[in-house]
C-alpha cells in the first residue's frame, strides 16, 4: 500500500496512500506504524475531504478511475 510513499518520504516528499477496506487493512496499519501517511477509503464512491487543488500529483496503481474523462483530469 505505501511502499512508494515510503520511498518518496526518504527523499523528503510527503505522500498519502489510499487503500480499500478489504485485504489492505493490515497493510495500512503497517504503514501508519512506520510513520507513512495512509487512509482506508474507496475513491470511486466518496469524495475526498480535501480541495481539488490540494494535491500536486495523483498516482493510481491498478485502479479504474477515469482521470481524464469528463474534464476531471488534475492539471497544475
C-alpha atoms as a PDB file:
ATOM      1  CA  UNK A   1       0.000   0.000   0.000  1.00  0.00           C
ATOM      2  CA  UNK A   2       2.595   2.561   0.999  1.00  0.00           C
ATOM      3  CA  UNK A   3       5.897   1.284  -0.376  1.00  0.00           C
ATOM      4  CA  UNK A   4       6.056   4.065  -2.974  1.00  0.00           C
ATOM      5  CA  UNK A   5       5.143   6.599  -0.279  1.00  0.00           C
ATOM      6  CA  UNK A   6       7.889   5.289   1.999  1.00  0.00           C
ATOM      7  CA  UNK A   7      10.390   5.556  -0.844  1.00  0.00           C
ATOM      8  CA  UNK A   8       9.393   9.161  -1.545  1.00  0.00           C
ATOM      9  CA  UNK A   9       9.385  10.006   2.175  1.00  0.00           C
ATOM     10  CA  UNK A  10      13.077   9.102   2.244  1.00  0.00           C
ATOM     11  CA  UNK A  11      13.512  11.868  -0.358  1.00  0.00           C
ATOM     12  CA  UNK A  12      11.553  14.430   1.741  1.00  0.00           C
ATOM     13  CA  UNK A  13       8.383  14.147  -0.380  1.00  0.00           C
ATOM     14  CA  UNK A  14       5.215  13.681   1.672  1.00  0.00           C
ATOM     15  CA  UNK A  15       2.567  11.356   0.243  1.00  0.00           C
ATOM     16  CA  UNK A  16      -0.624   9.731   1.462  1.00  0.00           C
ATOM     17  CA  UNK A  17      -1.761   6.271   0.377  1.00  0.00           C
ATOM     18  CA  UNK A  18      -5.415   5.274  -0.003  1.00  0.00           C
ATOM     19  CA  UNK A  19      -6.495   1.643   0.170  1.00  0.00           C
ATOM     20  CA  UNK A  20      -9.874  -0.087   0.023  1.00  0.00           C
ATOM     21  CA  UNK A  21     -11.335  -1.721   3.098  1.00  0.00           C
ATOM     22  CA  UNK A  22     -10.642  -5.338   2.248  1.00  0.00           C
ATOM     23  CA  UNK A  23      -7.375  -7.227   2.409  1.00  0.00           C
ATOM     24  CA  UNK A  24      -5.351  -3.988   2.630  1.00  0.00           C
ATOM     25  CA  UNK A  25      -6.360  -3.034   6.195  1.00  0.00           C
ATOM     26  CA  UNK A  26      -3.292  -4.724   7.699  1.00  0.00           C
ATOM     27  CA  UNK A  27      -1.023  -3.003   5.162  1.00  0.00           C
ATOM     28  CA  UNK A  28      -2.458   0.414   6.070  1.00  0.00           C
ATOM     29  CA  UNK A  29      -1.873  -0.304   9.768  1.00  0.00           C
ATOM     30  CA  UNK A  30       1.689  -1.399   8.946  1.00  0.00           C
ATOM     31  CA  UNK A  31       2.300   1.848   7.036  1.00  0.00           C
ATOM     32  CA  UNK A  32       0.882   4.013   9.831  1.00  0.00           C
ATOM     33  CA  UNK A  33       3.054   2.282  12.431  1.00  0.00           C
ATOM     34  CA  UNK A  34       6.100   3.286  10.389  1.00  0.00           C
ATOM     35  CA  UNK A  35       5.063   6.920  10.016  1.00  0.00           C
ATOM     36  CA  UNK A  36       3.876   6.745   6.406  1.00  0.00           C
ATOM     37  CA  UNK A  37       0.505   8.522   5.945  1.00  0.00           C
ATOM     38  CA  UNK A  38      -2.251   6.173   4.761  1.00  0.00           C
ATOM     39  CA  UNK A  39      -6.065   6.096   4.677  1.00  0.00           C
ATOM     40  CA  UNK A  40      -8.725   3.491   4.077  1.00  0.00           C
ATOM     41  CA  UNK A  41     -11.302   4.642   1.560  1.00  0.00           C
ATOM     42  CA  UNK A  42     -12.721   3.962  -1.869  1.00  0.00           C
ATOM     43  CA  UNK A  43     -12.039   6.847  -4.238  1.00  0.00           C
ATOM     44  CA  UNK A  44     -14.675   5.817  -6.738  1.00  0.00           C
ATOM     45  CA  UNK A  45     -17.559   6.080  -4.268  1.00  0.00           C
ATOM     46  CA  UNK A  46     -16.717   9.019  -1.995  1.00  0.00           C
ATOM     47  CA  UNK A  47     -15.326  12.488  -2.413  1.00  0.00           C
ATOM     48  CA  UNK A  48     -12.147  13.189  -0.514  1.00  0.00           C
ATOM     49  CA  UNK A  49     -12.386  15.801   2.243  1.00  0.00           C
ATOM     50  CA  UNK A  50      -9.704  17.887   0.527  1.00  0.00           C
ATOM     51  CA  UNK A  51      -9.999  20.690  -2.053  1.00  0.00           C
ATOM     52  CA  UNK A  52      -9.397  19.561  -5.628  1.00  0.00           C
ATOM     53  CA  UNK A  53      -6.182  21.602  -5.863  1.00  0.00           C
ATOM     54  CA  UNK A  54      -4.738  20.248  -2.603  1.00  0.00           C
ATOM     55  CA  UNK A  55      -2.586  17.726  -4.471  1.00  0.00           C
ATOM     56  CA  UNK A  56       0.402  18.398  -6.699  1.00  0.00           C
ATOM     57  CA  UNK A  57       0.151  14.956  -8.252  1.00  0.00           C
ATOM     58  CA  UNK A  58      -2.074  11.871  -8.136  1.00  0.00           C
ATOM     59  CA  UNK A  59      -0.887   8.346  -8.873  1.00  0.00           C
ATOM     60  CA  UNK A  60      -3.183   5.358  -9.068  1.00  0.00           C
ATOM     61  CA  UNK A  61      -1.907   1.803  -9.093  1.00  0.00           C
ATOM     62  CA  UNK A  62      -4.341  -0.718 -10.583  1.00  0.00           C
ATOM     63  CA  UNK A  63      -7.421   1.468 -10.246  1.00  0.00           C
ATOM     64  CA  UNK A  64     -10.343   2.018 -12.577  1.00  0.00           C
ATOM     65  CA  UNK A  65     -10.763   5.766 -12.074  1.00  0.00           C
ATOM     66  CA  UNK A  66     -11.200   7.549 -15.441  1.00  0.00           C
ATOM     67  CA  UNK A  67      -8.930  10.504 -14.556  1.00  0.00           C
ATOM     68  CA  UNK A  68      -9.202  12.144 -17.984  1.00  0.00           C
ATOM     69  CA  UNK A  69     -12.915  11.618 -18.539  1.00  0.00           C
ATOM     70  CA  UNK A  70     -15.437  14.472 -18.242  1.00  0.00           C
ATOM     71  CA  UNK A  71     -12.710  17.110 -17.881  1.00  0.00           C
ATOM     72  CA  UNK A  72     -11.738  15.918 -14.405  1.00  0.00           C
ATOM     73  CA  UNK A  73      -8.045  15.423 -15.102  1.00  0.00           C
ATOM     74  CA  UNK A  74      -5.945  17.122 -12.414  1.00  0.00           C
ATOM     75  CA  UNK A  75      -3.813  19.781 -14.065  1.00  0.00           C
ATOM     76  CA  UNK A  76      -1.463  22.340 -12.483  1.00  0.00           C
END
